[in-house]
């Protein structure tokens, strides 16, 4: 819930997608709606991934079966979020919308919010403007703002 990525993308995360040195997660094209998605990882995100992996180097990162199966969105975490919100249901889409709206309230540019969502411009600008470092840095700044808002920085 710290990345603003689609639930299935996070569920299918595997250790080989993590570049620990660059502190990034590269999502396979076949498992997301966008192409060439490189996700910067905050120290908190890296800590959660390390904790979820334990001593494993294979399988799904977020798993209760030693990596064989990924966790489902009907997990204890999702149920706890619904209970804390005092509502009968929260979809993953609701959470992504809340995340994006709050980033907008914090003054994060819409272009950067779109990057956190995994929405990429497919227009002519995308053909000519192919910077990689600045967009990653801007996303990382947005994630740090989000974590600070949530009070989970670490």
N, C-alpha and C. Protein backbone atom coordinates (compact mmCIF):
# COMPACT_ATOMS: atom_id res chain seq x y z
N UNK A 1 0.81 -1.20 0.00
CA UNK A 1 0.00 0.00 0.00
C UNK A 1 0.85 1.25 0.00
N UNK A 2 2.14 1.12 0.05
CA UNK A 2 3.02 2.28 0.04
C UNK A 2 3.42 2.70 -1.37
N UNK A 3 3.15 1.88 -2.37
CA UNK A 3 3.67 2.13 -3.71
C UNK A 3 2.67 2.71 -4.70
N UNK A 4 1.39 2.63 -4.42
CA UNK A 4 0.33 3.04 -5.34
C UNK A 4 0.29 2.18 -6.60
N UNK A 5 0.84 0.99 -6.52
CA UNK A 5 0.78 0.06 -7.64
C UNK A 5 -0.48 -0.80 -7.52
N UNK A 6 -0.84 -1.44 -8.61
CA UNK A 6 -2.01 -2.33 -8.62
C UNK A 6 -1.74 -3.52 -7.71
N UNK A 7 -2.79 -4.00 -7.08
CA UNK A 7 -2.65 -5.12 -6.15
C UNK A 7 -1.98 -6.32 -6.76
N UNK A 8 -2.37 -6.70 -7.95
CA UNK A 8 -1.81 -7.90 -8.58
C UNK A 8 -0.33 -7.71 -8.87
N UNK A 9 0.09 -6.48 -9.16
CA UNK A 9 1.51 -6.23 -9.42
C UNK A 9 2.34 -6.49 -8.17
N UNK A 10 1.84 -6.01 -7.04
CA UNK A 10 2.56 -6.21 -5.78
C UNK A 10 2.49 -7.69 -5.38
N UNK A 11 1.33 -8.30 -5.54
CA UNK A 11 1.19 -9.71 -5.18
C UNK A 11 2.17 -10.59 -5.95
N UNK A 12 2.43 -10.27 -7.20
CA UNK A 12 3.29 -11.10 -8.05
C UNK A 12 4.77 -10.73 -7.97
N UNK A 13 5.14 -9.84 -7.07
CA UNK A 13 6.54 -9.44 -6.94
C UNK A 13 7.40 -10.65 -6.57
N UNK A 14 8.55 -10.75 -7.25
CA UNK A 14 9.51 -11.82 -6.95
C UNK A 14 10.88 -11.18 -6.68
N UNK A 15 11.74 -11.86 -5.94
CA UNK A 15 13.04 -11.28 -5.58
C UNK A 15 13.90 -10.86 -6.77
N UNK A 16 13.80 -11.57 -7.89
CA UNK A 16 14.62 -11.22 -9.05
C UNK A 16 14.22 -9.89 -9.68
N UNK A 17 13.08 -9.33 -9.30
CA UNK A 17 12.65 -8.04 -9.81
C UNK A 17 13.22 -6.87 -9.00
N UNK A 18 13.85 -7.16 -7.88
CA UNK A 18 14.38 -6.14 -6.99
C UNK A 18 15.86 -5.92 -7.28
N UNK A 19 16.23 -4.68 -7.50
CA UNK A 19 17.64 -4.31 -7.62
C UNK A 19 18.01 -3.63 -6.31
N UNK A 20 18.63 -4.38 -5.41
CA UNK A 20 18.93 -3.88 -4.06
C UNK A 20 19.94 -2.74 -4.10
N UNK A 21 20.87 -2.79 -5.05
CA UNK A 21 21.89 -1.74 -5.15
C UNK A 21 21.28 -0.42 -5.61
N UNK A 22 20.43 -0.47 -6.64
CA UNK A 22 19.79 0.74 -7.16
C UNK A 22 18.53 1.12 -6.39
N UNK A 23 18.08 0.20 -5.52
CA UNK A 23 16.86 0.40 -4.73
C UNK A 23 15.65 0.64 -5.63
N UNK A 24 15.47 -0.28 -6.59
CA UNK A 24 14.35 -0.21 -7.52
C UNK A 24 13.70 -1.57 -7.68
N UNK A 25 12.48 -1.53 -8.16
CA UNK A 25 11.70 -2.72 -8.49
C UNK A 25 11.30 -2.56 -9.95
N UNK A 26 11.65 -3.53 -10.80
CA UNK A 26 11.28 -3.50 -12.20
C UNK A 26 10.14 -4.49 -12.40
N UNK A 27 8.99 -3.97 -12.78
CA UNK A 27 7.82 -4.81 -13.00
C UNK A 27 7.85 -5.39 -14.40
N UNK A 28 7.67 -6.70 -14.52
CA UNK A 28 7.65 -7.32 -15.85
C UNK A 28 6.50 -6.78 -16.68
N UNK A 29 6.75 -6.52 -17.96
CA UNK A 29 5.72 -5.99 -18.84
C UNK A 29 4.47 -6.86 -18.88
N UNK A 30 4.63 -8.16 -18.76
CA UNK A 30 3.48 -9.05 -18.86
C UNK A 30 2.58 -8.99 -17.63
N UNK A 31 3.06 -8.39 -16.56
CA UNK A 31 2.28 -8.39 -15.32
C UNK A 31 1.72 -7.02 -14.94
N UNK A 32 1.79 -6.06 -15.84
CA UNK A 32 1.23 -4.75 -15.54
C UNK A 32 0.66 -4.14 -16.81
N UNK A 33 -0.09 -3.08 -16.65
CA UNK A 33 -0.74 -2.45 -17.80
C UNK A 33 0.18 -1.52 -18.56
N UNK A 34 1.27 -1.10 -17.96
CA UNK A 34 2.20 -0.18 -18.61
C UNK A 34 3.45 -0.94 -19.04
N UNK A 35 4.30 -0.27 -19.76
CA UNK A 35 5.55 -0.85 -20.21
C UNK A 35 6.72 -0.22 -19.46
N UNK A 36 7.76 -1.01 -19.24
CA UNK A 36 9.00 -0.50 -18.66
C UNK A 36 8.79 0.23 -17.34
N UNK A 37 8.06 -0.36 -16.44
CA UNK A 37 7.80 0.27 -15.15
C UNK A 37 8.96 -0.04 -14.20
N UNK A 38 9.65 1.02 -13.79
CA UNK A 38 10.70 0.91 -12.78
C UNK A 38 10.24 1.74 -11.60
N UNK A 39 10.13 1.08 -10.48
CA UNK A 39 9.59 1.66 -9.26
C UNK A 39 10.73 1.93 -8.28
N UNK A 40 10.94 3.19 -7.87
CA UNK A 40 11.93 3.42 -6.82
C UNK A 40 11.39 2.89 -5.50
N UNK A 41 12.28 2.45 -4.65
CA UNK A 41 11.88 1.88 -3.36
C UNK A 41 12.45 2.72 -2.22
N UNK A 42 11.60 3.10 -1.30
CA UNK A 42 12.04 3.85 -0.13
C UNK A 42 12.68 2.88 0.86
N UNK A 43 13.39 3.39 1.85
CA UNK A 43 13.93 2.50 2.88
C UNK A 43 12.84 1.66 3.55
N UNK A 44 11.67 2.22 3.78
CA UNK A 44 10.57 1.47 4.40
C UNK A 44 10.10 0.34 3.49
N UNK A 45 9.96 0.62 2.19
CA UNK A 45 9.56 -0.42 1.25
C UNK A 45 10.58 -1.55 1.23
N UNK A 46 11.87 -1.19 1.18
CA UNK A 46 12.92 -2.20 1.18
C UNK A 46 12.89 -3.04 2.46
N UNK A 47 12.63 -2.39 3.58
CA UNK A 47 12.54 -3.10 4.86
C UNK A 47 11.39 -4.11 4.84
N UNK A 48 10.24 -3.70 4.33
CA UNK A 48 9.08 -4.60 4.25
C UNK A 48 9.35 -5.78 3.32
N UNK A 49 10.03 -5.52 2.21
CA UNK A 49 10.36 -6.59 1.27
C UNK A 49 11.33 -7.57 1.92
N UNK A 50 12.36 -7.05 2.58
CA UNK A 50 13.33 -7.93 3.27
C UNK A 50 12.63 -8.77 4.34
N UNK A 51 11.76 -8.14 5.12
CA UNK A 51 11.03 -8.86 6.17
C UNK A 51 10.15 -9.95 5.57
N UNK A 52 9.48 -9.64 4.45
CA UNK A 52 8.60 -10.62 3.82
C UNK A 52 9.38 -11.79 3.24
N UNK A 53 10.56 -11.51 2.72
CA UNK A 53 11.39 -12.57 2.13
C UNK A 53 12.04 -13.46 3.17
N UNK A 54 12.42 -12.88 4.29
CA UNK A 54 13.16 -13.68 5.26
C UNK A 54 14.45 -14.18 4.63
N UNK A 55 14.66 -15.48 4.68
CA UNK A 55 15.87 -16.08 4.11
C UNK A 55 15.67 -16.60 2.70
N UNK A 56 14.50 -16.35 2.12
CA UNK A 56 14.22 -16.88 0.78
C UNK A 56 14.84 -16.01 -0.31
N UNK A 57 15.16 -16.61 -1.43
CA UNK A 57 15.66 -15.89 -2.59
C UNK A 57 14.81 -16.16 -3.83
N UNK A 58 13.74 -16.96 -3.66
CA UNK A 58 12.87 -17.30 -4.79
C UNK A 58 11.42 -17.25 -4.35
N UNK A 59 10.54 -17.38 -5.33
CA UNK A 59 9.11 -17.40 -5.05
C UNK A 59 8.53 -15.99 -4.97
N UNK A 60 7.28 -15.93 -4.56
CA UNK A 60 6.64 -14.62 -4.39
C UNK A 60 7.14 -13.98 -3.11
N UNK A 61 7.39 -12.67 -3.15
CA UNK A 61 7.88 -11.95 -1.98
C UNK A 61 6.86 -12.02 -0.86
N UNK A 62 5.62 -11.63 -1.17
CA UNK A 62 4.57 -11.57 -0.15
C UNK A 62 3.78 -12.87 -0.18
N UNK A 63 4.13 -13.77 0.70
CA UNK A 63 3.59 -15.12 0.69
C UNK A 63 3.53 -15.67 2.11
N UNK A 64 2.52 -16.48 2.36
CA UNK A 64 2.46 -17.20 3.63
C UNK A 64 2.76 -18.68 3.43
N UNK A 65 3.19 -19.02 2.20
CA UNK A 65 3.46 -20.42 1.87
C UNK A 65 4.89 -20.60 1.38
N UNK A 66 5.82 -19.84 1.93
CA UNK A 66 7.22 -19.97 1.55
C UNK A 66 7.51 -19.55 0.13
N UNK A 67 6.68 -18.67 -0.43
CA UNK A 67 6.89 -18.17 -1.77
C UNK A 67 6.13 -18.91 -2.85
N UNK A 68 5.49 -20.03 -2.50
CA UNK A 68 4.77 -20.81 -3.51
C UNK A 68 3.54 -20.09 -4.04
N UNK A 69 2.81 -19.41 -3.17
CA UNK A 69 1.60 -18.68 -3.56
C UNK A 69 1.70 -17.25 -3.03
N UNK A 70 1.11 -16.31 -3.76
CA UNK A 70 1.12 -14.93 -3.26
C UNK A 70 -0.07 -14.70 -2.34
N UNK A 71 0.05 -13.68 -1.48
CA UNK A 71 -1.04 -13.36 -0.56
C UNK A 71 -2.22 -12.80 -1.35
N UNK A 72 -3.41 -12.95 -0.79
CA UNK A 72 -4.60 -12.45 -1.45
C UNK A 72 -5.02 -11.11 -0.86
N UNK A 73 -5.86 -10.40 -1.59
CA UNK A 73 -6.33 -9.10 -1.12
C UNK A 73 -7.38 -9.25 -0.01
N UNK A 74 -7.85 -10.45 0.25
CA UNK A 74 -8.77 -10.68 1.35
C UNK A 74 -8.03 -11.01 2.63
N UNK A 75 -6.80 -10.57 2.72
CA UNK A 75 -5.94 -10.91 3.85
C UNK A 75 -6.34 -10.18 5.12
N UNK A 76 -5.68 -10.54 6.19
CA UNK A 76 -5.89 -9.88 7.48
C UNK A 76 -5.62 -8.39 7.39
N UNK A 77 -4.62 -8.01 6.60
CA UNK A 77 -4.27 -6.60 6.44
C UNK A 77 -5.43 -5.83 5.83
N UNK A 78 -6.02 -6.37 4.76
CA UNK A 78 -7.16 -5.70 4.12
C UNK A 78 -8.34 -5.61 5.07
N UNK A 79 -8.60 -6.67 5.81
CA UNK A 79 -9.70 -6.66 6.77
C UNK A 79 -9.45 -5.65 7.89
N UNK A 80 -8.21 -5.51 8.32
CA UNK A 80 -7.88 -4.54 9.36
C UNK A 80 -8.07 -3.12 8.85
N UNK A 81 -7.73 -2.86 7.58
CA UNK A 81 -7.92 -1.52 7.01
C UNK A 81 -9.40 -1.17 6.93
N UNK A 82 -10.23 -2.12 6.55
CA UNK A 82 -11.68 -1.91 6.49
C UNK A 82 -12.22 -1.61 7.89
N UNK A 83 -11.79 -2.38 8.86
CA UNK A 83 -12.24 -2.17 10.23
C UNK A 83 -11.80 -0.80 10.76
N UNK A 84 -10.55 -0.42 10.49
CA UNK A 84 -10.04 0.86 10.96
C UNK A 84 -10.77 2.03 10.32
N UNK A 85 -11.20 1.86 9.07
CA UNK A 85 -11.91 2.92 8.36
C UNK A 85 -13.38 2.98 8.74
N UNK A 86 -13.87 1.93 9.40
CA UNK A 86 -15.27 1.90 9.79
C UNK A 86 -16.22 1.83 8.61
N UNK A 87 -15.82 1.09 7.60
CA UNK A 87 -16.62 0.96 6.39
C UNK A 87 -16.75 -0.52 6.05
N UNK A 88 -17.81 -0.90 5.36
CA UNK A 88 -17.97 -2.33 5.05
C UNK A 88 -17.01 -2.88 4.00
N UNK A 89 -16.43 -1.99 3.17
CA UNK A 89 -15.57 -2.48 2.08
C UNK A 89 -14.64 -1.37 1.61
N UNK A 90 -13.41 -1.74 1.30
CA UNK A 90 -12.47 -0.84 0.63
C UNK A 90 -11.82 -1.65 -0.49
N UNK A 91 -12.01 -1.20 -1.71
CA UNK A 91 -11.36 -1.89 -2.82
C UNK A 91 -9.93 -1.37 -2.96
N UNK A 92 -9.11 -2.13 -3.65
CA UNK A 92 -7.75 -1.67 -3.88
C UNK A 92 -7.79 -0.40 -4.73
N UNK A 93 -8.77 -0.31 -5.62
CA UNK A 93 -8.92 0.90 -6.44
C UNK A 93 -9.26 2.10 -5.56
N UNK A 94 -10.08 1.91 -4.53
CA UNK A 94 -10.38 3.00 -3.58
C UNK A 94 -9.10 3.50 -2.93
N UNK A 95 -8.26 2.57 -2.54
CA UNK A 95 -7.02 2.95 -1.88
C UNK A 95 -6.11 3.72 -2.84
N UNK A 96 -5.99 3.24 -4.07
CA UNK A 96 -5.15 3.93 -5.06
C UNK A 96 -5.67 5.34 -5.33
N UNK A 97 -6.99 5.49 -5.39
CA UNK A 97 -7.58 6.80 -5.62
C UNK A 97 -7.29 7.73 -4.44
N UNK A 98 -7.39 7.21 -3.21
CA UNK A 98 -7.08 8.00 -2.02
C UNK A 98 -5.62 8.41 -2.02
N UNK A 99 -4.74 7.48 -2.34
CA UNK A 99 -3.30 7.75 -2.40
C UNK A 99 -3.03 8.89 -3.38
N UNK A 100 -3.57 8.77 -4.59
CA UNK A 100 -3.33 9.78 -5.63
C UNK A 100 -3.92 11.13 -5.26
N UNK A 101 -5.11 11.12 -4.68
CA UNK A 101 -5.75 12.37 -4.27
C UNK A 101 -4.93 13.07 -3.20
N UNK A 102 -4.43 12.32 -2.25
CA UNK A 102 -3.64 12.93 -1.17
C UNK A 102 -2.33 13.49 -1.71
N UNK A 103 -1.69 12.78 -2.64
CA UNK A 103 -0.48 13.32 -3.25
C UNK A 103 -0.78 14.65 -3.96
N UNK A 104 -1.94 14.70 -4.63
CA UNK A 104 -2.33 15.94 -5.30
C UNK A 104 -2.52 17.06 -4.27
N UNK A 105 -3.16 16.74 -3.14
CA UNK A 105 -3.35 17.72 -2.06
C UNK A 105 -2.01 18.21 -1.51
N UNK A 106 -0.99 17.36 -1.55
CA UNK A 106 0.34 17.72 -1.06
C UNK A 106 1.15 18.52 -2.08
N UNK A 107 0.57 18.73 -3.27
CA UNK A 107 1.26 19.52 -4.27
C UNK A 107 2.16 18.73 -5.21
N UNK A 108 2.06 17.41 -5.19
CA UNK A 108 2.86 16.59 -6.10
C UNK A 108 2.29 16.77 -7.51
N UNK A 109 3.14 17.07 -8.50
CA UNK A 109 2.66 17.27 -9.87
C UNK A 109 1.92 16.04 -10.41
N UNK A 110 0.90 16.29 -11.21
CA UNK A 110 0.09 15.20 -11.74
C UNK A 110 0.92 14.21 -12.55
N UNK A 111 1.95 14.69 -13.25
CA UNK A 111 2.82 13.80 -14.02
C UNK A 111 3.49 12.78 -13.11
N UNK A 112 3.91 13.21 -11.92
CA UNK A 112 4.58 12.32 -10.97
C UNK A 112 3.56 11.35 -10.37
N UNK A 113 2.37 11.86 -10.06
CA UNK A 113 1.31 10.98 -9.53
C UNK A 113 1.01 9.87 -10.53
N UNK A 114 0.93 10.23 -11.81
CA UNK A 114 0.69 9.21 -12.84
C UNK A 114 1.78 8.15 -12.86
N UNK A 115 3.02 8.57 -12.64
CA UNK A 115 4.11 7.60 -12.59
C UNK A 115 3.95 6.65 -11.40
N UNK A 116 3.53 7.16 -10.24
CA UNK A 116 3.33 6.28 -9.08
C UNK A 116 2.21 5.29 -9.35
N UNK A 117 1.24 5.69 -10.15
CA UNK A 117 0.11 4.82 -10.48
C UNK A 117 0.48 3.77 -11.53
N UNK A 118 1.61 4.00 -12.20
CA UNK A 118 1.96 3.11 -13.30
C UNK A 118 1.29 3.51 -14.59
N UNK A 119 0.81 4.76 -14.68
CA UNK A 119 0.21 5.28 -15.90
C UNK A 119 1.27 6.07 -16.64
N UNK A 120 1.54 5.68 -17.86
CA UNK A 120 2.59 6.33 -18.64
C UNK A 120 2.00 6.90 -19.91
N UNK A 121 2.48 8.07 -20.28
CA UNK A 121 2.05 8.76 -21.49
C UNK A 121 2.50 7.95 -22.70
N UNK A 122 1.58 7.66 -23.56
CA UNK A 122 1.92 6.92 -24.77
C UNK A 122 1.94 7.85 -25.99
N UNK A 123 1.83 9.16 -25.76
CA UNK A 123 1.81 10.13 -26.84
C UNK A 123 3.19 10.42 -27.41
N UNK A 124 3.24 11.43 -28.24
CA UNK A 124 4.48 11.78 -28.93
C UNK A 124 5.56 12.21 -27.94
N UNK A 125 5.17 12.83 -26.81
CA UNK A 125 6.15 13.24 -25.81
C UNK A 125 6.93 12.04 -25.29
N UNK A 126 6.24 10.92 -25.11
CA UNK A 126 6.90 9.71 -24.59
C UNK A 126 7.98 9.23 -25.55
N UNK A 127 7.80 9.51 -26.83
CA UNK A 127 8.79 9.09 -27.83
C UNK A 127 10.07 9.91 -27.70
N UNK A 128 9.94 11.19 -27.43
CA UNK A 128 11.10 12.08 -27.38
C UNK A 128 11.64 12.32 -25.98
N UNK A 129 10.79 12.30 -24.98
CA UNK A 129 11.22 12.58 -23.62
C UNK A 129 11.35 11.26 -22.86
N UNK A 130 12.58 10.78 -22.72
CA UNK A 130 12.79 9.47 -22.13
C UNK A 130 13.72 9.50 -20.93
N UNK A 131 13.65 10.59 -20.17
CA UNK A 131 14.47 10.68 -18.96
C UNK A 131 14.10 9.56 -18.00
N UNK A 132 15.08 9.05 -17.28
CA UNK A 132 14.81 8.00 -16.30
C UNK A 132 15.17 8.43 -14.88
N UNK A 133 16.27 9.15 -14.69
CA UNK A 133 16.72 9.50 -13.34
C UNK A 133 15.77 10.46 -12.64
N UNK A 134 15.42 11.56 -13.29
CA UNK A 134 14.55 12.55 -12.64
C UNK A 134 13.18 11.97 -12.29
N UNK A 135 12.51 11.24 -13.22
CA UNK A 135 11.22 10.67 -12.82
C UNK A 135 11.32 9.74 -11.61
N UNK A 136 12.40 8.95 -11.52
CA UNK A 136 12.57 8.07 -10.36
C UNK A 136 12.76 8.89 -9.09
N UNK A 137 13.58 9.93 -9.17
CA UNK A 137 13.81 10.80 -8.01
C UNK A 137 12.51 11.48 -7.58
N UNK A 138 11.72 11.94 -8.54
CA UNK A 138 10.46 12.61 -8.21
C UNK A 138 9.46 11.64 -7.59
N UNK A 139 9.42 10.42 -8.10
CA UNK A 139 8.54 9.42 -7.50
C UNK A 139 8.98 9.12 -6.06
N UNK A 140 10.28 8.98 -5.87
CA UNK A 140 10.81 8.69 -4.55
C UNK A 140 10.43 9.80 -3.57
N UNK A 141 10.53 11.04 -4.00
CA UNK A 141 10.11 12.16 -3.15
C UNK A 141 8.63 12.07 -2.82
N UNK A 142 7.81 11.71 -3.80
CA UNK A 142 6.37 11.57 -3.55
C UNK A 142 6.10 10.45 -2.55
N UNK A 143 6.80 9.33 -2.69
CA UNK A 143 6.60 8.22 -1.76
C UNK A 143 7.02 8.60 -0.34
N UNK A 144 8.08 9.36 -0.24
CA UNK A 144 8.52 9.81 1.09
C UNK A 144 7.47 10.72 1.72
N UNK A 145 6.86 11.60 0.93
CA UNK A 145 5.78 12.45 1.44
C UNK A 145 4.61 11.60 1.92
N UNK A 146 4.27 10.59 1.13
CA UNK A 146 3.15 9.70 1.48
C UNK A 146 3.44 8.96 2.79
N UNK A 147 4.64 8.41 2.90
CA UNK A 147 5.01 7.69 4.12
C UNK A 147 5.01 8.63 5.32
N UNK A 148 5.47 9.85 5.14
CA UNK A 148 5.46 10.81 6.23
C UNK A 148 4.03 11.13 6.63
N UNK A 149 3.14 11.29 5.64
CA UNK A 149 1.73 11.52 5.91
C UNK A 149 1.12 10.38 6.72
N UNK A 150 1.49 9.14 6.34
CA UNK A 150 0.97 7.96 7.04
C UNK A 150 1.66 7.72 8.40
N UNK A 151 2.81 8.35 8.57
CA UNK A 151 3.56 8.16 9.81
C UNK A 151 4.29 6.83 9.86
N UNK A 152 4.72 6.32 8.69
CA UNK A 152 5.39 5.01 8.65
C UNK A 152 6.81 5.09 8.13
N UNK A 153 7.41 6.25 8.11
CA UNK A 153 8.77 6.35 7.59
C UNK A 153 9.71 5.52 8.45
N UNK A 154 10.73 5.02 7.83
CA UNK A 154 11.64 4.19 8.60
C UNK A 154 12.86 3.96 7.85
